[in-house]
Protein backbone atom coordinates (compact mmCIF):
# COMPACT_ATOMS: atom_id res chain seq x y z
CA UNK A 1 0.00 0.00 0.00
CA UNK A 2 1.37 3.38 -0.99
CA UNK A 3 2.12 5.90 1.71
CA UNK A 4 0.49 9.31 1.65
CA UNK A 5 3.84 10.79 0.62
CA UNK A 6 4.17 8.40 -2.29
CA UNK A 7 0.70 9.21 -3.57
CA UNK A 8 1.32 12.96 -3.22
CA UNK A 9 4.59 12.64 -5.12
CA UNK A 10 2.90 10.60 -7.83
CA UNK A 11 0.16 13.20 -8.23
CA UNK A 12 2.73 15.96 -8.61
CA UNK A 13 4.65 14.00 -11.24
CA UNK A 14 1.47 13.27 -13.17
CA UNK A 15 0.38 16.89 -13.12
CA UNK A 16 3.86 17.83 -14.34
CA UNK A 17 3.92 15.39 -17.25
CA UNK A 18 3.17 16.19 -20.83
CA UNK A 19 2.93 13.04 -22.89
CA UNK A 20 -0.48 13.67 -24.49
CA UNK A 21 -3.73 11.70 -25.11
CA UNK A 22 -7.19 13.21 -24.80
CA UNK A 23 -10.69 11.81 -24.86
CA UNK A 24 -11.78 12.10 -28.48
CA UNK A 25 -13.45 15.46 -28.95
CA UNK A 26 -15.55 16.63 -31.85
CA UNK A 27 -13.91 19.32 -33.99
CA UNK A 28 -14.93 22.77 -32.87
CA UNK A 29 -15.30 25.94 -34.93
CA UNK A 30 -12.54 28.53 -34.57
CA UNK A 31 -12.90 31.02 -31.75
CA UNK A 32 -13.13 33.88 -34.25
CA UNK A 33 -15.35 33.45 -37.34
CA UNK A 34 -13.72 33.76 -40.75
CA UNK A 35 -15.41 34.45 -44.09
CA UNK A 36 -15.81 31.62 -46.59
CA UNK A 37 -13.03 31.39 -49.17
CA UNK A 38 -14.28 32.30 -52.63
CA UNK A 39 -11.01 31.73 -54.49
CA UNK A 40 -7.33 31.17 -53.81
CA UNK A 41 -5.05 34.21 -53.47
CA UNK A 42 -2.76 35.04 -56.39
CA UNK A 43 0.04 32.48 -56.78
CA UNK A 44 3.13 33.25 -54.72
CA UNK A 45 4.87 32.78 -51.38
CA UNK A 46 3.14 34.17 -48.28
CA UNK A 47 4.50 34.44 -44.73
CA UNK A 48 2.44 33.17 -41.80
CA UNK A 49 1.15 35.72 -39.30
CA UNK A 50 2.53 34.33 -36.02
CA UNK A 51 0.65 36.80 -33.83
CA UNK A 52 -2.72 35.54 -35.03
CA UNK A 53 -1.85 31.88 -35.62
CA UNK A 54 -2.11 29.21 -32.95
CA UNK A 55 -1.42 25.55 -32.25
CA UNK A 56 -3.41 24.12 -29.33
CA UNK A 57 -3.03 20.66 -27.75
CA UNK A 58 -5.46 19.14 -25.24
CA UNK A 59 -3.96 16.50 -22.94
CA UNK A 60 -6.14 14.17 -20.86
CA UNK A 61 -5.48 12.18 -17.69
CA UNK A 62 -6.17 8.45 -17.48
CA UNK A 63 -5.82 5.42 -15.20
CA UNK A 64 -7.55 4.35 -11.95
CA UNK A 65 -6.13 7.39 -10.11
CA UNK A 66 -6.89 9.84 -12.92
CA UNK A 67 -9.06 11.90 -10.58
CA UNK A 68 -5.93 12.99 -8.76
CA UNK A 69 -4.41 14.57 -11.86
CA UNK A 70 -5.32 17.34 -14.31
CA UNK A 71 -6.19 17.66 -17.96
CA UNK A 72 -3.95 20.22 -19.65
CA UNK A 73 -4.19 22.82 -22.42
CA UNK A 74 -0.95 23.59 -24.29
CA UNK A 75 -0.96 26.67 -26.54
CA UNK A 76 1.76 27.77 -28.95
CA UNK A 77 1.53 31.17 -30.63
CA UNK A 78 5.04 31.16 -32.05
CA UNK A 79 4.28 29.30 -35.29
CA UNK A 80 6.26 30.57 -38.29
CA UNK A 81 6.51 29.48 -41.90
CA UNK A 82 5.58 29.96 -45.52
CA UNK A 83 2.59 29.07 -47.67
CA UNK A 84 3.26 28.63 -51.37
CA UNK A 85 -0.02 29.26 -53.21
CA UNK A 86 -0.20 27.68 -56.64
CA UNK A 87 -2.77 27.76 -59.41
CA UNK A 88 -4.89 25.23 -57.50
CA UNK A 89 -5.09 23.60 -54.07
CA UNK A 90 -3.18 20.54 -55.28
CA UNK A 91 -0.44 22.81 -56.67
CA UNK A 92 -0.01 24.60 -53.31
CA UNK A 93 2.23 23.70 -50.39
CA UNK A 94 3.39 24.94 -47.00
CA UNK A 95 6.05 24.53 -44.34
CA UNK A 96 5.77 25.42 -40.65
CA UNK A 97 8.11 25.64 -37.69
CA UNK A 98 6.88 25.44 -34.09
CA UNK A 99 9.44 26.53 -31.46
CA UNK A 100 8.84 24.25 -28.48
CA UNK A 101 9.94 26.95 -26.01
CA UNK A 102 6.87 28.95 -27.06
CA UNK A 103 4.39 26.50 -25.52
CA UNK A 104 2.28 28.05 -22.76
CA UNK A 105 0.83 25.52 -20.30
CA UNK A 106 -2.67 25.86 -18.84
CA UNK A 107 -3.34 29.50 -19.61
CA UNK A 108 -6.46 30.42 -17.62
CA UNK A 109 -8.37 31.83 -20.59
CA UNK A 110 -7.46 28.87 -22.82
CA UNK A 111 -8.74 26.43 -20.19
CA UNK A 112 -11.97 28.39 -19.90
CA UNK A 113 -12.44 28.29 -23.67
CA UNK A 114 -12.12 24.48 -23.68
CA UNK A 115 -15.00 23.98 -21.24
CA UNK A 116 -15.85 21.50 -18.53
CA UNK A 117 -12.96 19.07 -19.01
CA UNK A 118 -10.61 21.84 -17.90
CA UNK A 119 -12.14 23.32 -14.73
CA UNK A 120 -10.54 26.05 -12.65
CA UNK A 121 -6.97 27.26 -12.71
CA UNK A 122 -3.81 25.22 -12.21
CA UNK A 123 -1.32 26.25 -9.49
CA UNK A 124 1.77 28.03 -10.86
CA UNK A 125 4.16 25.35 -9.58
CA UNK A 126 2.17 22.64 -11.39
CA UNK A 127 2.24 24.66 -14.61
CA UNK A 128 6.01 25.09 -14.32
CA UNK A 129 6.46 21.39 -13.62
CA UNK A 130 4.34 20.39 -16.60
CA UNK A 131 6.24 22.69 -18.92
CA UNK A 132 9.63 21.58 -17.58
CA UNK A 133 8.85 17.92 -18.14
CA UNK A 134 7.31 18.63 -21.54
CA UNK A 135 10.52 20.29 -22.73
CA UNK A 136 12.74 17.69 -21.07
CA UNK A 137 14.66 14.88 -22.69
CA UNK A 138 11.92 12.30 -22.06
CA UNK A 139 9.34 14.13 -24.18
CA UNK A 140 10.16 17.00 -26.60
CA UNK A 141 13.87 17.21 -25.76
CA UNK A 142 13.97 20.95 -26.44
CA UNK A 143 17.71 21.22 -25.78
CA UNK A 144 18.49 19.00 -28.77
CA UNK A 145 15.39 19.56 -30.91
CA UNK A 146 14.15 23.14 -30.31
CA UNK A 147 11.76 23.19 -33.28
CA UNK A 148 8.89 21.01 -34.49
CA UNK A 149 8.70 21.04 -38.29
CA UNK A 150 5.57 20.47 -40.37
CA UNK A 151 5.77 20.13 -44.16
CA UNK A 152 2.78 19.78 -46.44
CA UNK A 153 3.42 16.92 -48.85
CA UNK A 154 0.12 16.98 -50.75
CA UNK A 155 -3.12 18.96 -50.52
CA UNK A 156 -6.43 17.76 -51.88
CA UNK A 157 -10.15 18.44 -51.62
CA UNK A 158 -12.13 21.65 -51.52
CA UNK A 159 -11.63 24.74 -49.31
CA UNK A 160 -14.42 23.59 -46.98
CA UNK A 161 -13.12 20.00 -46.75
CA UNK A 162 -9.38 19.94 -47.29
CA UNK A 163 -7.02 17.04 -46.58
CA UNK A 164 -3.33 17.75 -45.97
CA UNK A 165 -0.75 14.98 -46.04
CA UNK A 166 2.04 16.08 -43.69
CA UNK A 167 5.54 15.18 -42.67
CA UNK A 168 6.12 16.07 -39.01
CA UNK A 169 9.55 16.22 -37.41
CA UNK A 170 9.44 16.17 -33.60
CA UNK A 171 12.07 15.30 -30.97
CA UNK A 172 14.22 13.49 -33.52
CA UNK A 173 11.35 11.48 -34.96
CA UNK A 174 9.67 11.89 -38.35
CA UNK A 175 6.08 10.84 -39.03
CA UNK A 176 3.64 11.00 -41.94
CA UNK A 177 0.15 12.19 -41.00
CA UNK A 178 -3.11 13.25 -42.60
CA UNK A 179 -4.84 16.37 -41.26
CA UNK A 180 -8.36 17.54 -42.15
CA UNK A 181 -8.87 21.29 -42.28
CA UNK A 182 -10.81 24.05 -43.98
CA UNK A 183 -9.79 27.29 -45.66
CA UNK A 184 -11.43 30.65 -45.14
CA UNK A 185 -10.38 34.06 -46.36
CA UNK A 186 -10.94 37.29 -48.19
CA UNK A 187 -8.83 39.80 -50.09
CA UNK A 188 -6.68 40.44 -47.03
CA UNK A 189 -5.94 37.07 -45.47
CA UNK A 190 -6.12 33.30 -45.83
CA UNK A 191 -6.92 31.21 -42.75
CA UNK A 192 -6.64 27.45 -42.28
CA UNK A 193 -8.41 25.88 -39.29
CA UNK A 194 -8.70 22.29 -38.16
CA UNK A 195 -9.09 19.85 -35.29
CA UNK A 196 -8.00 16.23 -35.08
CA UNK A 197 -7.13 13.45 -32.66
CA UNK A 198 -3.47 12.49 -32.80
CA UNK A 199 -1.83 9.62 -30.95
CA UNK A 200 1.56 10.46 -29.53
CA UNK A 201 2.82 6.99 -30.47
CA UNK A 202 2.11 7.92 -34.10
CA UNK A 203 4.73 10.68 -33.88
CA UNK A 204 7.32 8.69 -31.96
CA UNK A 205 6.50 9.79 -28.40
CA UNK A 206 5.82 7.40 -25.52
CA UNK A 207 2.64 7.76 -23.40
CA UNK A 208 3.51 8.69 -19.83
CA UNK A 209 2.63 6.13 -17.16
CA UNK A 210 3.27 5.93 -13.42
CA UNK A 211 2.59 3.38 -10.69
CA UNK A 212 2.06 0.55 -13.20
CA UNK A 213 -0.57 2.57 -15.07
CA UNK A 214 -2.53 3.78 -12.04
CA UNK A 215 -1.58 7.32 -13.09
CA UNK A 216 -1.10 8.02 -16.77
CA UNK A 217 -2.06 10.15 -19.72
CA UNK A 218 -3.96 8.78 -22.70
CA UNK A 219 -2.09 8.02 -25.89
CA UNK A 220 -4.26 10.36 -27.97
CA UNK A 221 -4.28 14.12 -27.77
CA UNK A 222 -6.62 16.61 -29.38
CA UNK A 223 -4.84 18.95 -31.78
CA UNK A 224 -6.37 22.24 -32.91
CA UNK A 225 -4.81 24.83 -35.17
CA UNK A 226 -5.49 28.22 -36.72
CA UNK A 227 -2.96 29.40 -39.31
CA UNK A 228 -3.39 32.94 -40.64
CA UNK A 229 -1.62 34.21 -43.77
CA UNK A 230 -1.83 37.90 -44.73
CA UNK A 231 -2.47 38.43 -48.43
CA UNK A 232 -2.05 42.18 -48.67
């Protein structure tokens, strides 16, 4: 039988972990509405607007002692990159870089936006512990791999129902993924939004587990993104 100290230590470690896997969640509309895309911008290279772009990851607790841990919201607003617009969707491409140091853990407003699975605020020491372990060698290994890379291999579909085949480089691993998204825009900007479930084992990361699985995080995480590209 675990002592009270052992359980308390285990809870702290769980709350400070960041290997992700959420309960499957239905895709949600972007926080800010965007106009429907009528046509692609003129062909050319366009730089991503980092200030208005966002990558968001929802991480869920699991295991018999899951009630002692927290679900987490990870937000990154440091996304950079280029979008190469061609004569058609299939002739277009993109490349993104996500600096792992830019992840913000359990921002109060972000948790509120995600609803009932993310109640209340998280103590500052727990936020720091989560971020420290996330950037550590066991997960993202920020010291050796400071950037996550995302490269669009192929694009297909229509603006309202687009499929992007991606190559993702993360923590020394490379994975091929498919991401559903939609395009919105007007004469001034192009916006891509999407939501998907992504298993960390699919990108080379190991699900975190403690006390023989009594405390753990699920293998799947919910990934949401909004990528904004100024046109003029």
